[in-house]
């Protein structure tokens, strides 16, 4: 499945008003569930632990130094852990004199839904449902839960629909900041670069807690990306 926003890109590319768009994509800070090895998904009962609060503060410090006047639009997942991360980073930036727009909550930016596994320890699932867990780890693209839902395919569809919304905005001034999740963030990167869902298995796109990446769009098409935090990398372009 490829992103519907490529239809939008075609329209944008024929317009003289098409502009380069710069997106900063951040994963939330570490939570109590992350530290325990417990699956969160769309379950909204986890919260940032002390390490996660520190990470969110460091994200805010970095943005204050590197992007003091560039953030013109902010999107955020509805999940508490993402909104906490944004709130802390935003407070740090404002404390440094930056003006940061309020975040717009977008439901499709929530994390992958793993149904009955949510709230459970990964080790517990691997021990109690070894064959199903192995199938998920071996082939997340083709995997279906016991309830016959396909979590990664559904997540990919939400990533594409999120770009439809974000890129459809006109007259956006400055850089757009998106605060969301690990699995969803990987899909957002792949969809932006015109890849298919199989990219999810590539460890090059794994996002650590409070990782920050930059994606550049030209005429509505994602043309390059790079890691910014925790360690900056050079820009990479999608394979032809």
Protein backbone atom coordinates (compact mmCIF):
# COMPACT_ATOMS: atom_id res chain seq x y z
CA UNK A 1 0.00 0.00 0.00
CA UNK A 2 1.40 3.40 -0.96
CA UNK A 3 0.45 6.75 0.44
CA UNK A 4 -2.59 8.56 -0.98
CA UNK A 5 -0.69 11.80 -0.50
CA UNK A 6 1.27 11.10 -3.69
CA UNK A 7 -1.93 12.08 -5.51
CA UNK A 8 -1.77 15.32 -3.57
CA UNK A 9 1.90 15.65 -4.50
CA UNK A 10 1.04 15.54 -8.19
CA UNK A 11 -1.34 18.44 -7.73
CA UNK A 12 1.17 20.39 -5.71
CA UNK A 13 3.96 19.89 -8.24
CA UNK A 14 1.87 21.54 -10.94
CA UNK A 15 1.29 24.59 -8.76
CA UNK A 16 3.60 27.60 -8.81
CA UNK A 17 2.98 27.99 -5.06
CA UNK A 18 4.47 24.59 -4.15
CA UNK A 19 7.09 24.99 -1.46
CA UNK A 20 9.72 22.89 0.25
CA UNK A 21 8.37 21.51 3.52
CA UNK A 22 10.59 20.57 6.43
CA UNK A 23 9.27 18.14 9.04
CA UNK A 24 10.85 17.31 12.40
CA UNK A 25 9.56 13.99 13.73
CA UNK A 26 10.12 13.06 17.38
CA UNK A 27 9.34 9.91 19.33
CA UNK A 28 8.11 10.30 22.91
CA UNK A 29 10.45 9.92 25.89
CA UNK A 30 10.92 6.68 27.81
CA UNK A 31 7.92 5.46 29.80
CA UNK A 32 7.42 3.09 32.70
CA UNK A 33 6.17 0.51 30.17
CA UNK A 34 9.27 0.95 27.97
CA UNK A 35 11.53 0.33 30.96
CA UNK A 36 9.56 -2.78 31.95
CA UNK A 37 9.47 -4.28 28.45
CA UNK A 38 5.69 -3.97 28.44
CA UNK A 39 3.67 -3.38 25.26
CA UNK A 40 1.90 -0.01 25.12
CA UNK A 41 0.28 0.25 21.70
CA UNK A 42 -2.92 2.27 21.92
CA UNK A 43 -3.24 1.58 25.66
CA UNK A 44 -3.03 5.00 27.31
CA UNK A 45 -2.08 4.05 30.88
CA UNK A 46 1.70 4.51 30.61
CA UNK A 47 3.56 7.73 31.43
CA UNK A 48 7.04 9.19 31.15
CA UNK A 49 9.45 7.96 33.81
CA UNK A 50 12.25 10.15 35.18
CA UNK A 51 14.52 9.22 32.30
CA UNK A 52 11.77 10.08 29.82
CA UNK A 53 11.19 13.45 31.46
CA UNK A 54 14.92 14.16 31.17
CA UNK A 55 14.90 13.08 27.51
CA UNK A 56 11.96 15.37 26.74
CA UNK A 57 13.78 18.25 28.44
CA UNK A 58 16.89 17.56 26.36
CA UNK A 59 14.73 17.56 23.22
CA UNK A 60 13.44 20.98 24.23
CA UNK A 61 16.96 22.25 24.86
CA UNK A 62 18.11 21.05 21.45
CA UNK A 63 15.17 22.67 19.68
CA UNK A 64 15.77 25.89 21.61
CA UNK A 65 19.34 26.02 20.30
CA UNK A 66 18.86 24.68 16.79
CA UNK A 67 15.29 25.79 15.96
CA UNK A 68 14.66 28.88 18.09
CA UNK A 69 12.43 30.63 15.53
CA UNK A 70 11.57 27.97 12.96
CA UNK A 71 8.76 25.87 14.48
CA UNK A 72 5.59 27.15 12.88
CA UNK A 73 3.26 24.15 13.23
CA UNK A 74 2.99 21.32 15.76
CA UNK A 75 1.13 18.01 15.55
CA UNK A 76 0.94 15.45 18.35
CA UNK A 77 -0.44 11.98 19.03
CA UNK A 78 -3.44 11.81 21.39
CA UNK A 79 -1.53 9.39 23.66
CA UNK A 80 -0.50 10.78 27.06
CA UNK A 81 3.19 9.85 26.64
CA UNK A 82 3.48 11.87 23.44
CA UNK A 83 1.57 14.85 24.83
CA UNK A 84 3.76 14.79 27.97
CA UNK A 85 6.88 14.83 25.81
CA UNK A 86 5.64 17.79 23.79
CA UNK A 87 4.52 19.66 26.92
CA UNK A 88 7.94 19.34 28.56
CA UNK A 89 9.89 20.20 25.41
CA UNK A 90 7.59 23.16 24.70
CA UNK A 91 7.99 24.49 28.25
CA UNK A 92 11.77 24.33 27.95
CA UNK A 93 11.66 26.14 24.62
CA UNK A 94 9.35 28.84 25.93
CA UNK A 95 11.60 29.24 28.96
CA UNK A 96 14.41 29.99 26.52
CA UNK A 97 12.32 32.68 24.84
CA UNK A 98 11.03 30.63 21.88
CA UNK A 99 7.49 31.01 20.60
CA UNK A 100 6.00 27.56 20.03
CA UNK A 101 2.50 26.97 18.60
CA UNK A 102 0.05 24.82 20.49
CA UNK A 103 0.06 21.21 19.34
CA UNK A 104 -2.85 19.92 17.28
CA UNK A 105 -3.89 16.43 18.38
CA UNK A 106 -4.39 14.06 15.45
CA UNK A 107 -5.90 10.67 16.26
CA UNK A 108 -4.13 8.79 13.46
CA UNK A 109 -0.76 9.65 15.04
CA UNK A 110 -1.37 7.16 17.86
CA UNK A 111 0.81 4.05 18.13
CA UNK A 112 0.29 0.62 16.56
CA UNK A 113 -2.64 -1.30 18.05
CA UNK A 114 -1.66 -4.74 19.33
CA UNK A 115 -5.02 -5.60 20.88
CA UNK A 116 -4.87 -8.29 23.59
CA UNK A 117 -1.08 -7.97 23.89
CA UNK A 118 -1.30 -4.40 25.12
CA UNK A 119 -0.31 -3.98 28.76
CA UNK A 120 1.51 -7.33 28.83
CA UNK A 121 5.23 -8.01 29.15
CA UNK A 122 6.91 -9.05 25.91
CA UNK A 123 8.71 -11.90 27.66
CA UNK A 124 5.40 -13.15 29.05
CA UNK A 125 3.81 -13.20 25.60
CA UNK A 126 6.84 -14.94 24.08
CA UNK A 127 6.62 -17.63 26.78
CA UNK A 128 2.85 -18.15 26.71
CA UNK A 129 2.27 -17.76 22.95
CA UNK A 130 5.63 -18.69 21.43
CA UNK A 131 4.47 -19.53 17.92
CA UNK A 132 2.31 -16.45 17.53
CA UNK A 133 5.05 -14.20 18.94
CA UNK A 134 7.65 -15.75 16.61
CA UNK A 135 5.33 -15.16 13.66
CA UNK A 136 4.98 -11.49 14.60
CA UNK A 137 8.74 -11.00 14.97
CA UNK A 138 9.54 -12.92 11.77
CA UNK A 139 6.99 -11.27 9.47
CA UNK A 140 5.26 -8.20 10.91
CA UNK A 141 4.11 -7.20 7.42
CA UNK A 142 2.05 -10.34 6.85
CA UNK A 143 1.19 -11.01 10.50
CA UNK A 144 -2.41 -11.24 11.67
CA UNK A 145 -3.47 -11.31 15.30
CA UNK A 146 -5.65 -14.16 16.59
CA UNK A 147 -8.62 -11.80 16.05
CA UNK A 148 -7.58 -11.66 12.33
CA UNK A 149 -6.55 -8.00 12.50
CA UNK A 150 -3.35 -6.95 10.71
CA UNK A 151 -1.70 -4.43 13.06
CA UNK A 152 1.15 -3.27 10.85
CA UNK A 153 -0.99 -2.91 7.74
CA UNK A 154 -3.48 -0.85 9.73
CA UNK A 155 -0.66 1.28 11.15
CA UNK A 156 0.76 1.92 7.68
CA UNK A 157 -2.66 3.11 6.50
CA UNK A 158 -2.78 5.57 9.40
CA UNK A 159 0.72 6.84 8.60
CA UNK A 160 -0.35 7.55 5.03
CA UNK A 161 -3.56 9.26 6.12
CA UNK A 162 -1.58 11.39 8.58
CA UNK A 163 0.62 12.69 5.76
CA UNK A 164 -2.54 13.42 3.76
CA UNK A 165 -3.65 15.75 6.56
CA UNK A 166 -0.26 17.31 7.38
CA UNK A 167 0.75 18.00 3.78
CA UNK A 168 -2.69 19.28 2.76
CA UNK A 169 -2.25 22.38 4.92
CA UNK A 170 -1.56 25.57 3.01
CA UNK A 171 0.34 28.65 4.10
CA UNK A 172 2.37 26.80 6.73
CA UNK A 173 5.15 29.07 7.89
CA UNK A 174 8.36 27.45 9.08
CA UNK A 175 9.11 23.92 10.15
CA UNK A 176 6.46 21.42 11.28
CA UNK A 177 7.11 19.40 14.45
CA UNK A 178 5.36 16.03 14.85
CA UNK A 179 5.54 14.18 18.19
CA UNK A 180 4.40 10.58 18.09
CA UNK A 181 5.67 7.00 18.54
CA UNK A 182 8.29 4.46 17.54
CA UNK A 183 6.43 2.11 15.20
CA UNK A 184 4.24 4.86 13.77
CA UNK A 185 7.30 7.07 13.27
CA UNK A 186 9.05 4.36 11.26
CA UNK A 187 6.01 4.07 9.01
CA UNK A 188 5.82 7.85 8.61
CA UNK A 189 9.43 7.93 7.40
CA UNK A 190 8.88 5.09 4.93
CA UNK A 191 5.62 6.45 3.58
CA UNK A 192 7.13 9.91 3.17
CA UNK A 193 9.98 8.51 1.08
CA UNK A 194 7.70 6.49 -1.21
CA UNK A 195 8.70 3.12 0.27
CA UNK A 196 6.33 0.26 0.93
CA UNK A 197 5.44 -1.33 4.26
CA UNK A 198 8.25 -3.91 4.01
CA UNK A 199 10.66 -1.13 5.07
CA UNK A 200 9.42 -1.65 8.61
CA UNK A 201 11.78 -4.60 9.02
CA UNK A 202 14.84 -2.45 8.28
CA UNK A 203 16.57 -1.63 11.57
CA UNK A 204 17.94 1.57 10.01
CA UNK A 205 14.56 3.16 10.71
CA UNK A 206 14.22 2.17 14.37
CA UNK A 207 13.57 5.23 16.56
CA UNK A 208 14.89 5.36 20.11
CA UNK A 209 12.98 7.19 22.83
CA UNK A 210 13.04 10.94 22.06
CA UNK A 211 14.84 10.34 18.77
CA UNK A 212 14.42 13.25 16.38
CA UNK A 213 14.54 12.96 12.59
CA UNK A 214 14.22 15.49 9.79
CA UNK A 215 12.27 14.82 6.58
CA UNK A 216 12.35 17.23 3.64
CA UNK A 217 9.53 17.37 1.09
CA UNK A 218 9.82 19.06 -2.28
CA UNK A 219 6.59 19.65 -4.20
CA UNK A 220 4.81 17.34 -1.76
CA UNK A 221 7.24 14.42 -2.20
CA UNK A 222 9.63 13.29 0.52
CA UNK A 223 13.11 13.57 -1.00
CA UNK A 224 15.49 13.01 1.92
CA UNK A 225 15.73 12.30 5.63
CA UNK A 226 18.30 12.24 8.40
CA UNK A 227 18.63 11.55 12.09
CA UNK A 228 19.11 14.60 14.29
CA UNK A 229 19.01 13.11 17.81
CA UNK A 230 20.56 11.32 19.59
CA UNK A 231 23.38 11.38 17.01
CA UNK A 232 23.14 13.42 13.78
CA UNK A 233 23.65 11.72 10.43
CA UNK A 234 23.99 12.90 6.85
CA UNK A 235 20.87 13.13 4.70
CA UNK A 236 19.81 9.95 2.92
CA UNK A 237 17.64 9.86 -0.18
CA UNK A 238 15.18 7.11 -1.11
CA UNK A 239 16.48 4.46 -3.46
CA UNK A 240 15.45 4.98 -7.08
